[in-house]
Amino acid sequence: GPTPQVAKGTHVLVPLGGSSPTHWTAEPDGGVAEPLGGVAGADHALWVGLTAPPDAPIGRYRVSVRTRTDAGEFDAPFEPENELVLLFNPWCPEDSVYMEKTSDLNEYVLNESGRIFYGTEDQIVDRSWNYGQ
């Protein structure tokens, strides 16, 4: 939302190499990259793997980075290409939508097409639907 708050679980602070109170983790992923060409003031890049817990709320997350050095702190501005869309994971046993049966996964998650029902209580109609996954 427009005013995320840590207390409401809508703002998550994840320390690098650690875990947040809500169990998000951020770990270095691949080390330090070569100098970034064309980026003013950017000498190196650090790739970070961000992991959400299985019970994290699904939705859109804005990801930004704060760095801290002897020279001070820097908050990188949010960039739209860093938006994260978190979905459910029916393959993960810890997720509330977990499906143990492969047949259920094939039917309800992996199907490319199916049927939708619409109409009123007295007159229900169905039609084909391409999920476009």
C-alpha atoms as a PDB file:
ATOM      1  CA  GLY A   1       0.000   0.000   0.000  1.00  0.00           C
ATOM      2  CA  PRO A   2       0.952   3.668  -0.042  1.00  0.00           C
ATOM      3  CA  THR A   3       2.088   3.730   3.610  1.00  0.00           C
ATOM      4  CA  PRO A   4       3.752   0.419   4.496  1.00  0.00           C
ATOM      5  CA  GLN A   5       4.374  -0.228   8.179  1.00  0.00           C
ATOM      6  CA  VAL A   6       6.572  -2.827   9.874  1.00  0.00           C
ATOM      7  CA  ALA A   7       4.032  -3.245  12.699  1.00  0.00           C
ATOM      8  CA  LYS A   8       1.293  -4.181  10.216  1.00  0.00           C
ATOM      9  CA  GLY A   9       3.517  -6.568   8.240  1.00  0.00           C
ATOM     10  CA  THR A  10       3.323  -4.405   5.124  1.00  0.00           C
ATOM     11  CA  HIS A  11       6.959  -3.249   5.335  1.00  0.00           C
ATOM     12  CA  VAL A  12       9.671  -5.890   5.688  1.00  0.00           C
ATOM     13  CA  LEU A  13      13.277  -5.075   6.585  1.00  0.00           C
ATOM     14  CA  VAL A  14      15.610  -7.937   5.665  1.00  0.00           C
ATOM     15  CA  PRO A  15      19.261  -7.717   6.748  1.00  0.00           C
ATOM     16  CA  LEU A  16      21.820  -9.140   4.320  1.00  0.00           C
ATOM     17  CA  GLY A  17      22.960 -12.528   5.582  1.00  0.00           C
ATOM     18  CA  GLY A  18      20.176 -12.635   8.135  1.00  0.00           C
ATOM     19  CA  SER A  19      16.482 -13.117   8.625  1.00  0.00           C
ATOM     20  CA  SER A  20      13.635 -10.719   9.359  1.00  0.00           C
ATOM     21  CA  PRO A  21      11.210 -11.340  12.251  1.00  0.00           C
ATOM     22  CA  THR A  22       8.764 -12.559   9.577  1.00  0.00           C
ATOM     23  CA  HIS A  23      11.378 -15.024   8.234  1.00  0.00           C
ATOM     24  CA  TRP A  24      12.278 -13.332   4.944  1.00  0.00           C
ATOM     25  CA  THR A  25      15.965 -13.904   4.157  1.00  0.00           C
ATOM     26  CA  ALA A  26      18.536 -12.120   1.997  1.00  0.00           C
ATOM     27  CA  GLU A  27      21.774 -13.881   1.107  1.00  0.00           C
ATOM     28  CA  PRO A  28      24.626 -12.905  -1.220  1.00  0.00           C
ATOM     29  CA  ASP A  29      24.095 -14.775  -4.472  1.00  0.00           C
ATOM     30  CA  GLY A  30      27.153 -15.156  -6.671  1.00  0.00           C
ATOM     31  CA  GLY A  31      29.476 -12.677  -5.024  1.00  0.00           C
ATOM     32  CA  VAL A  32      30.495  -9.230  -6.202  1.00  0.00           C
ATOM     33  CA  ALA A  33      30.123  -8.515  -9.903  1.00  0.00           C
ATOM     34  CA  GLU A  34      32.517  -6.630 -12.144  1.00  0.00           C
ATOM     35  CA  PRO A  35      32.301  -2.824 -12.264  1.00  0.00           C
ATOM     36  CA  LEU A  36      29.082  -1.532 -13.776  1.00  0.00           C
ATOM     37  CA  GLY A  37      29.746   0.293 -17.010  1.00  0.00           C
ATOM     38  CA  GLY A  38      27.860   3.516 -17.497  1.00  0.00           C
ATOM     39  CA  VAL A  39      26.444   3.785 -13.971  1.00  0.00           C
ATOM     40  CA  ALA A  40      27.692   6.941 -12.266  1.00  0.00           C
ATOM     41  CA  GLY A  41      29.374   6.217  -8.949  1.00  0.00           C
ATOM     42  CA  ALA A  42      28.791   2.474  -9.175  1.00  0.00           C
ATOM     43  CA  ASP A  43      32.029   0.545  -8.834  1.00  0.00           C
ATOM     44  CA  HIS A  44      30.594  -2.906  -8.139  1.00  0.00           C
ATOM     45  CA  ALA A  45      27.336  -4.794  -7.858  1.00  0.00           C
ATOM     46  CA  LEU A  46      26.327  -7.384  -5.307  1.00  0.00           C
ATOM     47  CA  TRP A  47      23.708  -9.903  -6.354  1.00  0.00           C
ATOM     48  CA  VAL A  48      21.355 -10.818  -3.520  1.00  0.00           C
ATOM     49  CA  GLY A  49      18.918 -13.720  -3.320  1.00  0.00           C
ATOM     50  CA  LEU A  50      15.703 -12.774  -1.511  1.00  0.00           C
ATOM     51  CA  THR A  51      13.584 -15.591  -0.090  1.00  0.00           C
ATOM     52  CA  ALA A  52      10.031 -15.196   1.206  1.00  0.00           C
ATOM     53  CA  PRO A  53       8.607 -17.510   3.857  1.00  0.00           C
ATOM     54  CA  PRO A  54       5.818 -19.898   2.777  1.00  0.00           C
ATOM     55  CA  ASP A  55       3.231 -17.914   4.745  1.00  0.00           C
ATOM     56  CA  ALA A  56       4.142 -14.493   3.304  1.00  0.00           C
ATOM     57  CA  PRO A  57       1.124 -12.570   1.976  1.00  0.00           C
ATOM     58  CA  ILE A  58       0.751 -12.845  -1.792  1.00  0.00           C
ATOM     59  CA  GLY A  59       0.818  -9.600  -3.742  1.00  0.00           C
ATOM     60  CA  ARG A  60       3.088  -6.945  -5.217  1.00  0.00           C
ATOM     61  CA  TYR A  61       6.187  -5.917  -3.306  1.00  0.00           C
ATOM     62  CA  ARG A  62       8.390  -2.898  -3.968  1.00  0.00           C
ATOM     63  CA  VAL A  63      12.019  -3.861  -3.398  1.00  0.00           C
ATOM     64  CA  SER A  64      14.589  -1.252  -2.480  1.00  0.00           C
ATOM     65  CA  VAL A  65      18.071  -1.373  -0.977  1.00  0.00           C
ATOM     66  CA  ARG A  66      19.795   0.528   1.828  1.00  0.00           C
ATOM     67  CA  THR A  67      23.578   0.319   2.054  1.00  0.00           C
ATOM     68  CA  ARG A  68      25.684   1.313   5.027  1.00  0.00           C
ATOM     69  CA  THR A  69      29.427   1.994   4.951  1.00  0.00           C
ATOM     70  CA  ASP A  70      31.916   4.018   6.927  1.00  0.00           C
ATOM     71  CA  ALA A  71      31.008   6.945   4.659  1.00  0.00           C
ATOM     72  CA  GLY A  72      27.336   6.772   5.693  1.00  0.00           C
ATOM     73  CA  GLU A  73      24.017   5.312   4.567  1.00  0.00           C
ATOM     74  CA  PHE A  74      22.445   5.379   1.127  1.00  0.00           C
ATOM     75  CA  ASP A  75      18.842   4.515   0.239  1.00  0.00           C
ATOM     76  CA  ALA A  76      18.556   3.460  -3.396  1.00  0.00           C
ATOM     77  CA  PRO A  77      15.326   4.736  -4.934  1.00  0.00           C
ATOM     78  CA  PHE A  78      12.705   2.153  -5.886  1.00  0.00           C
ATOM     79  CA  GLU A  79      12.840   1.176  -9.541  1.00  0.00           C
ATOM     80  CA  PRO A  80       9.738  -0.358 -11.159  1.00  0.00           C
ATOM     81  CA  GLU A  81      11.757  -3.214 -12.686  1.00  0.00           C
ATOM     82  CA  ASN A  82      12.539  -4.321  -9.106  1.00  0.00           C
ATOM     83  CA  GLU A  83       8.886  -4.920  -8.307  1.00  0.00           C
ATOM     84  CA  LEU A  84       8.329  -8.432  -6.969  1.00  0.00           C
ATOM     85  CA  VAL A  85       5.067 -10.326  -7.448  1.00  0.00           C
ATOM     86  CA  LEU A  86       4.721 -13.073  -4.858  1.00  0.00           C
ATOM     87  CA  LEU A  87       2.322 -15.912  -5.626  1.00  0.00           C
ATOM     88  CA  PHE A  88       1.290 -19.079  -3.850  1.00  0.00           C
ATOM     89  CA  ASN A  89       3.322 -22.295  -4.118  1.00  0.00           C
ATOM     90  CA  PRO A  90       1.230 -25.480  -4.172  1.00  0.00           C
ATOM     91  CA  TRP A  91       4.440 -27.580  -4.397  1.00  0.00           C
ATOM     92  CA  CYS A  92       5.710 -26.337  -0.995  1.00  0.00           C
ATOM     93  CA  PRO A  93       4.498 -28.442   1.975  1.00  0.00           C
ATOM     94  CA  GLU A  94       4.702 -25.421   4.302  1.00  0.00           C
ATOM     95  CA  ASP A  95       2.410 -23.284   2.087  1.00  0.00           C
ATOM     96  CA  SER A  96      -1.285 -23.306   3.041  1.00  0.00           C
ATOM     97  CA  VAL A  97      -2.226 -24.100  -0.592  1.00  0.00           C
ATOM     98  CA  TYR A  98       0.035 -27.196  -0.773  1.00  0.00           C
ATOM     99  CA  MET A  99      -1.311 -30.029  -2.932  1.00  0.00           C
ATOM    100  CA  GLU A 100       0.127 -33.434  -2.190  1.00  0.00           C
ATOM    101  CA  LYS A 101      -1.418 -35.261  -5.139  1.00  0.00           C
ATOM    102  CA  THR A 102       0.175 -34.836  -8.562  1.00  0.00           C
ATOM    103  CA  SER A 103      -3.253 -35.369 -10.117  1.00  0.00           C
ATOM    104  CA  ASP A 104      -4.592 -32.331  -8.213  1.00  0.00           C
ATOM    105  CA  LEU A 105      -1.638 -30.199  -9.341  1.00  0.00           C
ATOM    106  CA  ASN A 106      -2.209 -31.263 -12.949  1.00  0.00           C
ATOM    107  CA  GLU A 107      -5.941 -30.514 -12.758  1.00  0.00           C
ATOM    108  CA  TYR A 108      -6.003 -27.283 -10.775  1.00  0.00           C
ATOM    109  CA  VAL A 109      -2.608 -25.633 -11.358  1.00  0.00           C
ATOM    110  CA  LEU A 110      -0.960 -26.862 -14.545  1.00  0.00           C
ATOM    111  CA  ASN A 111      -3.995 -26.993 -16.840  1.00  0.00           C
ATOM    112  CA  GLU A 112      -3.826 -24.551 -19.753  1.00  0.00           C
ATOM    113  CA  SER A 113      -7.585 -24.499 -20.248  1.00  0.00           C
ATOM    114  CA  GLY A 114     -10.776 -25.311 -18.412  1.00  0.00           C
ATOM    115  CA  ARG A 115     -14.365 -24.201 -17.921  1.00  0.00           C
ATOM    116  CA  ILE A 116     -15.808 -21.215 -16.142  1.00  0.00           C
ATOM    117  CA  PHE A 117     -19.363 -20.919 -14.894  1.00  0.00           C
ATOM    118  CA  TYR A 118     -21.387 -17.709 -14.937  1.00  0.00           C
ATOM    119  CA  GLY A 119     -24.947 -16.493 -14.847  1.00  0.00           C
ATOM    120  CA  THR A 120     -27.524 -16.245 -12.097  1.00  0.00           C
ATOM    121  CA  GLU A 121     -28.554 -18.615  -9.354  1.00  0.00           C
ATOM    122  CA  ASP A 122     -31.424 -19.870 -11.517  1.00  0.00           C
ATOM    123  CA  GLN A 123     -29.599 -19.989 -14.843  1.00  0.00           C
ATOM    124  CA  ILE A 124     -25.964 -21.118 -14.764  1.00  0.00           C
ATOM    125  CA  VAL A 125     -24.007 -21.379 -18.013  1.00  0.00           C
ATOM    126  CA  ASP A 126     -20.482 -22.651 -18.654  1.00  0.00           C
ATOM    127  CA  ARG A 127     -17.937 -21.982 -21.355  1.00  0.00           C
ATOM    128  CA  SER A 128     -14.343 -22.832 -22.272  1.00  0.00           C
ATOM    129  CA  TRP A 129     -11.596 -20.667 -20.844  1.00  0.00           C
ATOM    130  CA  ASN A 130      -7.931 -20.394 -21.836  1.00  0.00           C
ATOM    131  CA  TYR A 131      -5.934 -19.599 -18.680  1.00  0.00           C
ATOM    132  CA  GLY A 132      -3.005 -18.307 -20.716  1.00  0.00           C
ATOM    133  CA  GLN A 133      -0.414 -19.395 -18.152  1.00  0.00           C
END
